[in-house]
Amino acid sequence: MANRLTAFSARACACALMLGIATHAAANMYRYMDENGQVVISSTIPQEATKRGYDILGNNGRVIETIPPAPTEEEIAAREAEKQRQKELAEQREQDRQLLKRFSHPDQAVKAMHRKIRELKGLIQLKQGNISVISSQLDNEQSRAADMERAGRDIPEATLEKIRRLESQIGDIEREIASQSQEIETLQKAFEADIERLEEVTGEARTLPLEPTKETD
């Protein structure tokens, strides 16, 4: 008998619970604007209406939750633009932090630029000296070859090979010089951008000229 009463009570509680859930679900209504701009209250809501936003009403008619309208394409684009802007700001802050770790004042960057350019120009001068030495050797070999031709003698293949090798060496060094000259130009532009940014970040103006002088060397 007790078991039957227990089973009956359990079923009654379950039914009551389900009835309560069903009643609560049924009590929720939706308030939205239709395509004509009229307010509609209904137990269902069309898919198109959800894009315009709507309210969920409780059984007492009060709003228990407001679902905002779906964002427009313009709003989505504006949000993406703002996200990109914030990303760029964060990247700029990190770049500024790294820049300030290297230089605390614009003049420090100017001195570093002068030093680096001076080193590269020194390498170029060495290579230009190498070209002068090799050019002298080339002139000697070409003169010997010309003398042989005037004398009606065949120019040895070894001499021709040496001339080609010397010409190739000069060409290689000239390309290296051109590359390093471009490197100087690129380096100077990068340093000048850093110097300008340092002036903005630190609020300090550089006192040294961008072009090296005897005083800054």
C-alpha atoms as a PDB file:
ATOM      1  CA  MET A   1       0.000   0.000   0.000  1.00  0.00           C
ATOM      2  CA  ALA A   2       2.821   2.377   0.955  1.00  0.00           C
ATOM      3  CA  ASN A   3       4.631   1.539  -2.287  1.00  0.00           C
ATOM      4  CA  ARG A   4       1.551   2.359  -4.331  1.00  0.00           C
ATOM      5  CA  LEU A   5       1.153   5.679  -2.533  1.00  0.00           C
ATOM      6  CA  THR A   6       4.809   6.493  -3.104  1.00  0.00           C
ATOM      7  CA  ALA A   7       4.524   5.684  -6.807  1.00  0.00           C
ATOM      8  CA  PHE A   8       1.330   7.734  -7.054  1.00  0.00           C
ATOM      9  CA  SER A   9       3.001  10.696  -5.341  1.00  0.00           C
ATOM     10  CA  ALA A  10       5.973  10.514  -7.655  1.00  0.00           C
ATOM     11  CA  ARG A  11       3.753  10.470 -10.730  1.00  0.00           C
ATOM     12  CA  ALA A  12       1.733  13.374  -9.350  1.00  0.00           C
ATOM     13  CA  CYS A  13       4.862  15.424  -8.725  1.00  0.00           C
ATOM     14  CA  ALA A  14       6.162  14.666 -12.193  1.00  0.00           C
ATOM     15  CA  CYS A  15       2.866  15.663 -13.767  1.00  0.00           C
ATOM     16  CA  ALA A  16       2.766  18.845 -11.733  1.00  0.00           C
ATOM     17  CA  LEU A  17       6.315  19.687 -12.753  1.00  0.00           C
ATOM     18  CA  MET A  18       5.598  19.085 -16.430  1.00  0.00           C
ATOM     19  CA  LEU A  19       2.400  21.099 -16.161  1.00  0.00           C
ATOM     20  CA  GLY A  20       4.307  23.937 -14.556  1.00  0.00           C
ATOM     21  CA  ILE A  21       6.929  23.904 -17.294  1.00  0.00           C
ATOM     22  CA  ALA A  22       4.283  23.799 -19.990  1.00  0.00           C
ATOM     23  CA  THR A  23       2.334  26.591 -18.304  1.00  0.00           C
ATOM     24  CA  HIS A  24       5.495  28.702 -17.982  1.00  0.00           C
ATOM     25  CA  ALA A  25       6.436  28.074 -21.622  1.00  0.00           C
ATOM     26  CA  ALA A  26       2.950  28.868 -22.762  1.00  0.00           C
ATOM     27  CA  ALA A  27       2.952  32.036 -20.691  1.00  0.00           C
ATOM     28  CA  ASN A  28       5.936  33.497 -22.627  1.00  0.00           C
ATOM     29  CA  MET A  29       4.815  35.742 -25.466  1.00  0.00           C
ATOM     30  CA  TYR A  30       6.695  37.752 -28.092  1.00  0.00           C
ATOM     31  CA  ARG A  31       6.249  41.415 -28.877  1.00  0.00           C
ATOM     32  CA  TYR A  32       7.638  42.615 -32.171  1.00  0.00           C
ATOM     33  CA  MET A  33       7.100  44.978 -35.076  1.00  0.00           C
ATOM     34  CA  ASP A  34       5.721  43.528 -38.279  1.00  0.00           C
ATOM     35  CA  GLU A  35       6.735  44.613 -41.771  1.00  0.00           C
ATOM     36  CA  ASN A  36       4.170  47.444 -41.596  1.00  0.00           C
ATOM     37  CA  GLY A  37       5.576  48.837 -38.381  1.00  0.00           C
ATOM     38  CA  GLN A  38       2.692  47.578 -36.270  1.00  0.00           C
ATOM     39  CA  VAL A  39       3.287  46.127 -32.804  1.00  0.00           C
ATOM     40  CA  VAL A  40       2.324  42.463 -32.614  1.00  0.00           C
ATOM     41  CA  ILE A  41       2.069  40.270 -29.514  1.00  0.00           C
ATOM     42  CA  SER A  42       2.004  36.570 -30.267  1.00  0.00           C
ATOM     43  CA  SER A  43       3.122  33.210 -28.942  1.00  0.00           C
ATOM     44  CA  THR A  44       5.223  32.786 -32.112  1.00  0.00           C
ATOM     45  CA  ILE A  45       7.436  35.112 -34.064  1.00  0.00           C
ATOM     46  CA  PRO A  46       8.294  35.008 -37.795  1.00  0.00           C
ATOM     47  CA  GLN A  47      11.936  34.561 -38.736  1.00  0.00           C
ATOM     48  CA  GLU A  48      12.047  37.927 -40.514  1.00  0.00           C
ATOM     49  CA  ALA A  49      10.712  39.714 -37.441  1.00  0.00           C
ATOM     50  CA  THR A  50      13.558  38.401 -35.275  1.00  0.00           C
ATOM     51  CA  LYS A  51      16.008  40.456 -37.346  1.00  0.00           C
ATOM     52  CA  ARG A  52      14.204  43.641 -36.252  1.00  0.00           C
ATOM     53  CA  GLY A  53      14.526  42.756 -32.580  1.00  0.00           C
ATOM     54  CA  TYR A  54      11.765  41.761 -30.171  1.00  0.00           C
ATOM     55  CA  ASP A  55      10.726  41.429 -26.516  1.00  0.00           C
ATOM     56  CA  ILE A  56       9.954  38.261 -24.591  1.00  0.00           C
ATOM     57  CA  LEU A  57       7.024  38.824 -22.238  1.00  0.00           C
ATOM     58  CA  GLY A  58       6.280  36.964 -19.041  1.00  0.00           C
ATOM     59  CA  ASN A  59       2.858  35.727 -17.974  1.00  0.00           C
ATOM     60  CA  ASN A  60       2.221  39.111 -16.339  1.00  0.00           C
ATOM     61  CA  GLY A  61       2.896  40.956 -19.586  1.00  0.00           C
ATOM     62  CA  ARG A  62       6.180  42.403 -18.427  1.00  0.00           C
ATOM     63  CA  VAL A  63       9.311  42.282 -20.532  1.00  0.00           C
ATOM     64  CA  ILE A  64      11.645  39.596 -19.222  1.00  0.00           C
ATOM     65  CA  GLU A  65      14.202  39.837 -22.023  1.00  0.00           C
ATOM     66  CA  THR A  66      14.864  42.158 -24.966  1.00  0.00           C
ATOM     67  CA  ILE A  67      16.534  40.765 -28.062  1.00  0.00           C
ATOM     68  CA  PRO A  68      18.225  43.605 -29.987  1.00  0.00           C
ATOM     69  CA  PRO A  69      17.917  43.937 -33.776  1.00  0.00           C
ATOM     70  CA  ALA A  70      20.468  42.155 -35.945  1.00  0.00           C
ATOM     71  CA  PRO A  71      23.284  44.535 -36.933  1.00  0.00           C
ATOM     72  CA  THR A  72      23.114  46.111 -40.385  1.00  0.00           C
ATOM     73  CA  GLU A  73      25.898  45.740 -42.946  1.00  0.00           C
ATOM     74  CA  GLU A  74      26.987  49.299 -42.128  1.00  0.00           C
ATOM     75  CA  GLU A  75      27.157  48.493 -38.405  1.00  0.00           C
ATOM     76  CA  ILE A  76      29.103  45.297 -39.061  1.00  0.00           C
ATOM     77  CA  ALA A  77      31.523  47.218 -41.269  1.00  0.00           C
ATOM     78  CA  ALA A  78      31.917  49.902 -38.588  1.00  0.00           C
ATOM     79  CA  ARG A  79      32.612  47.258 -35.932  1.00  0.00           C
ATOM     80  CA  GLU A  80      35.214  45.586 -38.117  1.00  0.00           C
ATOM     81  CA  ALA A  81      36.826  48.948 -38.827  1.00  0.00           C
ATOM     82  CA  GLU A  82      36.973  49.699 -35.110  1.00  0.00           C
ATOM     83  CA  LYS A  83      38.466  46.276 -34.394  1.00  0.00           C
ATOM     84  CA  GLN A  84      41.116  46.919 -37.050  1.00  0.00           C
ATOM     85  CA  ARG A  85      41.808  50.355 -35.593  1.00  0.00           C
ATOM     86  CA  GLN A  86      42.251  48.921 -32.105  1.00  0.00           C
ATOM     87  CA  LYS A  87      44.555  46.242 -33.502  1.00  0.00           C
ATOM     88  CA  GLU A  88      46.679  48.861 -35.247  1.00  0.00           C
ATOM     89  CA  LEU A  89      46.830  50.949 -32.071  1.00  0.00           C
ATOM     90  CA  ALA A  90      47.994  47.926 -30.094  1.00  0.00           C
ATOM     91  CA  GLU A  91      50.651  47.169 -32.709  1.00  0.00           C
ATOM     92  CA  GLN A  92      51.813  50.796 -32.647  1.00  0.00           C
ATOM     93  CA  ARG A  93      52.055  50.739 -28.856  1.00  0.00           C
ATOM     94  CA  GLU A  94      54.210  47.609 -29.025  1.00  0.00           C
ATOM     95  CA  GLN A  95      56.413  49.146 -31.721  1.00  0.00           C
ATOM     96  CA  ASP A  96      56.810  52.266 -29.582  1.00  0.00           C
ATOM     97  CA  ARG A  97      57.731  50.145 -26.584  1.00  0.00           C
ATOM     98  CA  GLN A  98      60.406  48.322 -28.562  1.00  0.00           C
ATOM     99  CA  LEU A  99      61.680  51.601 -30.022  1.00  0.00           C
ATOM    100  CA  LEU A 100      62.023  53.164 -26.563  1.00  0.00           C
ATOM    101  CA  LYS A 101      63.984  50.121 -25.415  1.00  0.00           C
ATOM    102  CA  ARG A 102      66.557  50.936 -28.124  1.00  0.00           C
ATOM    103  CA  PHE A 103      66.599  54.731 -27.841  1.00  0.00           C
ATOM    104  CA  SER A 104      65.437  57.047 -25.074  1.00  0.00           C
ATOM    105  CA  HIS A 105      66.056  60.233 -27.082  1.00  0.00           C
ATOM    106  CA  PRO A 106      65.936  61.066 -30.817  1.00  0.00           C
ATOM    107  CA  ASP A 107      69.625  62.057 -30.777  1.00  0.00           C
ATOM    108  CA  GLN A 108      70.567  58.506 -29.790  1.00  0.00           C
ATOM    109  CA  ALA A 109      68.859  57.234 -32.930  1.00  0.00           C
ATOM    110  CA  VAL A 110      70.609  59.897 -35.034  1.00  0.00           C
ATOM    111  CA  LYS A 111      74.012  58.792 -33.706  1.00  0.00           C
ATOM    112  CA  ALA A 112      73.182  55.125 -34.347  1.00  0.00           C
ATOM    113  CA  MET A 113      72.144  55.979 -37.915  1.00  0.00           C
ATOM    114  CA  HIS A 114      75.375  57.877 -38.557  1.00  0.00           C
ATOM    115  CA  ARG A 115      77.431  55.008 -37.133  1.00  0.00           C
ATOM    116  CA  LYS A 116      75.709  52.357 -39.252  1.00  0.00           C
ATOM    117  CA  ILE A 117      75.916  54.420 -42.442  1.00  0.00           C
ATOM    118  CA  ARG A 118      79.583  55.138 -41.760  1.00  0.00           C
ATOM    119  CA  GLU A 119      80.261  51.395 -41.440  1.00  0.00           C
ATOM    120  CA  LEU A 120      78.498  50.608 -44.716  1.00  0.00           C
ATOM    121  CA  LYS A 121      80.269  53.422 -46.553  1.00  0.00           C
ATOM    122  CA  GLY A 122      83.573  52.109 -45.200  1.00  0.00           C
ATOM    123  CA  LEU A 123      82.818  48.676 -46.691  1.00  0.00           C
ATOM    124  CA  ILE A 124      81.943  50.303 -50.009  1.00  0.00           C
ATOM    125  CA  GLN A 125      85.259  52.172 -50.039  1.00  0.00           C
ATOM    126  CA  LEU A 126      87.147  48.930 -49.419  1.00  0.00           C
ATOM    127  CA  LYS A 127      85.348  47.277 -52.304  1.00  0.00           C
ATOM    128  CA  GLN A 128      86.028  50.231 -54.557  1.00  0.00           C
ATOM    129  CA  GLY A 129      89.706  49.797 -53.669  1.00  0.00           C
ATOM    130  CA  ASN A 130      89.449  46.125 -54.626  1.00  0.00           C
ATOM    131  CA  ILE A 131      87.964  47.133 -57.966  1.00  0.00           C
ATOM    132  CA  SER A 132      90.923  49.463 -58.579  1.00  0.00           C
ATOM    133  CA  VAL A 133      93.395  46.627 -57.913  1.00  0.00           C
ATOM    134  CA  ILE A 134      91.519  44.135 -60.100  1.00  0.00           C
ATOM    135  CA  SER A 135      91.041  46.767 -62.847  1.00  0.00           C
ATOM    136  CA  SER A 136      94.805  47.304 -62.898  1.00  0.00           C
ATOM    137  CA  GLN A 137      95.356  43.544 -63.318  1.00  0.00           C
ATOM    138  CA  LEU A 138      92.726  43.469 -66.037  1.00  0.00           C
ATOM    139  CA  ASP A 139      94.398  46.347 -67.904  1.00  0.00           C
ATOM    140  CA  ASN A 140      97.711  44.457 -67.828  1.00  0.00           C
ATOM    141  CA  GLU A 141      96.171  41.250 -69.174  1.00  0.00           C
ATOM    142  CA  GLN A 142      94.263  43.105 -71.889  1.00  0.00           C
ATOM    143  CA  SER A 143      97.438  44.967 -72.903  1.00  0.00           C
ATOM    144  CA  ARG A 144      99.341  41.680 -73.180  1.00  0.00           C
ATOM    145  CA  ALA A 145      96.537  40.182 -75.255  1.00  0.00           C
ATOM    146  CA  ALA A 146      96.523  43.238 -77.539  1.00  0.00           C
ATOM    147  CA  ASP A 147     100.304  42.976 -78.000  1.00  0.00           C
ATOM    148  CA  MET A 148      99.933  39.329 -78.994  1.00  0.00           C
ATOM    149  CA  GLU A 149      97.231  40.193 -81.524  1.00  0.00           C
ATOM    150  CA  ARG A 150      99.385  42.932 -83.090  1.00  0.00           C
ATOM    151  CA  ALA A 151     102.261  40.472 -83.294  1.00  0.00           C
ATOM    152  CA  GLY A 152     100.011  37.982 -85.105  1.00  0.00           C
ATOM    153  CA  ARG A 153     100.157  35.489 -82.255  1.00  0.00           C
ATOM    154  CA  ASP A 154      97.237  33.544 -80.833  1.00  0.00           C
ATOM    155  CA  ILE A 155      96.122  34.619 -77.396  1.00  0.00           C
ATOM    156  CA  PRO A 156      96.476  31.670 -74.974  1.00  0.00           C
ATOM    157  CA  GLU A 157      93.226  30.348 -73.534  1.00  0.00           C
ATOM    158  CA  ALA A 158      94.650  30.839 -70.045  1.00  0.00           C
ATOM    159  CA  THR A 159      95.022  34.570 -70.716  1.00  0.00           C
ATOM    160  CA  LEU A 160      91.476  34.829 -72.072  1.00  0.00           C
ATOM    161  CA  GLU A 161      90.147  32.898 -69.067  1.00  0.00           C
ATOM    162  CA  LYS A 162      91.994  35.220 -66.684  1.00  0.00           C
ATOM    163  CA  ILE A 163      90.511  38.273 -68.427  1.00  0.00           C
ATOM    164  CA  ARG A 164      87.003  36.803 -68.129  1.00  0.00           C
ATOM    165  CA  ARG A 165      87.587  35.968 -64.468  1.00  0.00           C
ATOM    166  CA  LEU A 166      88.814  39.473 -63.639  1.00  0.00           C
ATOM    167  CA  GLU A 167      85.871  41.048 -65.476  1.00  0.00           C
ATOM    168  CA  SER A 168      83.495  38.754 -63.562  1.00  0.00           C
ATOM    169  CA  GLN A 169      85.078  39.723 -60.227  1.00  0.00           C
ATOM    170  CA  ILE A 170      84.673  43.416 -61.010  1.00  0.00           C
ATOM    171  CA  GLY A 171      81.023  42.843 -61.960  1.00  0.00           C
ATOM    172  CA  ASP A 172      80.345  40.936 -58.722  1.00  0.00           C
ATOM    173  CA  ILE A 173      81.883  43.668 -56.571  1.00  0.00           C
ATOM    174  CA  GLU A 174      80.001  46.409 -58.422  1.00  0.00           C
ATOM    175  CA  ARG A 175      76.727  44.583 -57.736  1.00  0.00           C
ATOM    176  CA  GLU A 176      77.662  44.291 -54.055  1.00  0.00           C
ATOM    177  CA  ILE A 177      78.376  48.028 -53.930  1.00  0.00           C
ATOM    178  CA  ALA A 178      75.031  48.800 -55.594  1.00  0.00           C
ATOM    179  CA  SER A 179      73.251  46.563 -53.082  1.00  0.00           C
ATOM    180  CA  GLN A 180      74.968  48.209 -50.122  1.00  0.00           C
ATOM    181  CA  SER A 181      74.236  51.668 -51.503  1.00  0.00           C
ATOM    182  CA  GLN A 182      70.558  50.698 -51.646  1.00  0.00           C
ATOM    183  CA  GLU A 183      70.868  49.316 -48.119  1.00  0.00           C
ATOM    184  CA  ILE A 184      72.172  52.699 -46.934  1.00  0.00           C
ATOM    185  CA  GLU A 185      69.196  54.466 -48.515  1.00  0.00           C
ATOM    186  CA  THR A 186      66.709  52.021 -46.986  1.00  0.00           C
ATOM    187  CA  LEU A 187      68.440  52.159 -43.619  1.00  0.00           C
ATOM    188  CA  GLN A 188      68.397  55.956 -43.558  1.00  0.00           C
ATOM    189  CA  LYS A 189      64.675  56.101 -44.365  1.00  0.00           C
ATOM    190  CA  ALA A 190      63.911  53.601 -41.574  1.00  0.00           C
ATOM    191  CA  PHE A 191      66.025  55.536 -39.066  1.00  0.00           C
ATOM    192  CA  GLU A 192      64.447  58.844 -40.058  1.00  0.00           C
ATOM    193  CA  ALA A 193      60.984  57.357 -39.473  1.00  0.00           C
ATOM    194  CA  ASP A 194      62.104  56.091 -36.040  1.00  0.00           C
ATOM    195  CA  ILE A 195      63.602  59.489 -35.183  1.00  0.00           C
ATOM    196  CA  GLU A 196      60.375  61.259 -36.131  1.00  0.00           C
ATOM    197  CA  ARG A 197      58.353  58.800 -34.041  1.00  0.00           C
ATOM    198  CA  LEU A 198      60.706  59.240 -31.079  1.00  0.00           C
ATOM    199  CA  GLU A 199      60.136  62.982 -31.239  1.00  0.00           C
ATOM    200  CA  GLU A 200      56.385  62.359 -31.037  1.00  0.00           C
ATOM    201  CA  VAL A 201      56.551  59.763 -28.258  1.00  0.00           C
ATOM    202  CA  THR A 202      59.150  61.457 -26.051  1.00  0.00           C
ATOM    203  CA  GLY A 203      58.166  65.048 -26.793  1.00  0.00           C
ATOM    204  CA  GLU A 204      61.865  65.778 -27.340  1.00  0.00           C
ATOM    205  CA  ALA A 205      63.248  67.234 -30.580  1.00  0.00           C
ATOM    206  CA  ARG A 206      66.507  66.031 -32.071  1.00  0.00           C
ATOM    207  CA  THR A 207      69.416  68.448 -31.854  1.00  0.00           C
ATOM    208  CA  LEU A 208      71.722  66.622 -34.279  1.00  0.00           C
ATOM    209  CA  PRO A 209      71.536  66.897 -38.102  1.00  0.00           C
ATOM    210  CA  LEU A 210      70.327  63.891 -40.050  1.00  0.00           C
ATOM    211  CA  GLU A 211      73.265  64.119 -42.430  1.00  0.00           C
ATOM    212  CA  PRO A 212      76.586  63.152 -40.805  1.00  0.00           C
ATOM    213  CA  THR A 213      79.097  65.914 -40.137  1.00  0.00           C
ATOM    214  CA  LYS A 214      82.633  65.891 -38.760  1.00  0.00           C
ATOM    215  CA  GLU A 215      81.200  66.791 -35.362  1.00  0.00           C
ATOM    216  CA  THR A 216      78.843  63.814 -35.336  1.00  0.00           C
ATOM    217  CA  ASP A 217      81.295  61.313 -36.873  1.00  0.00           C
END
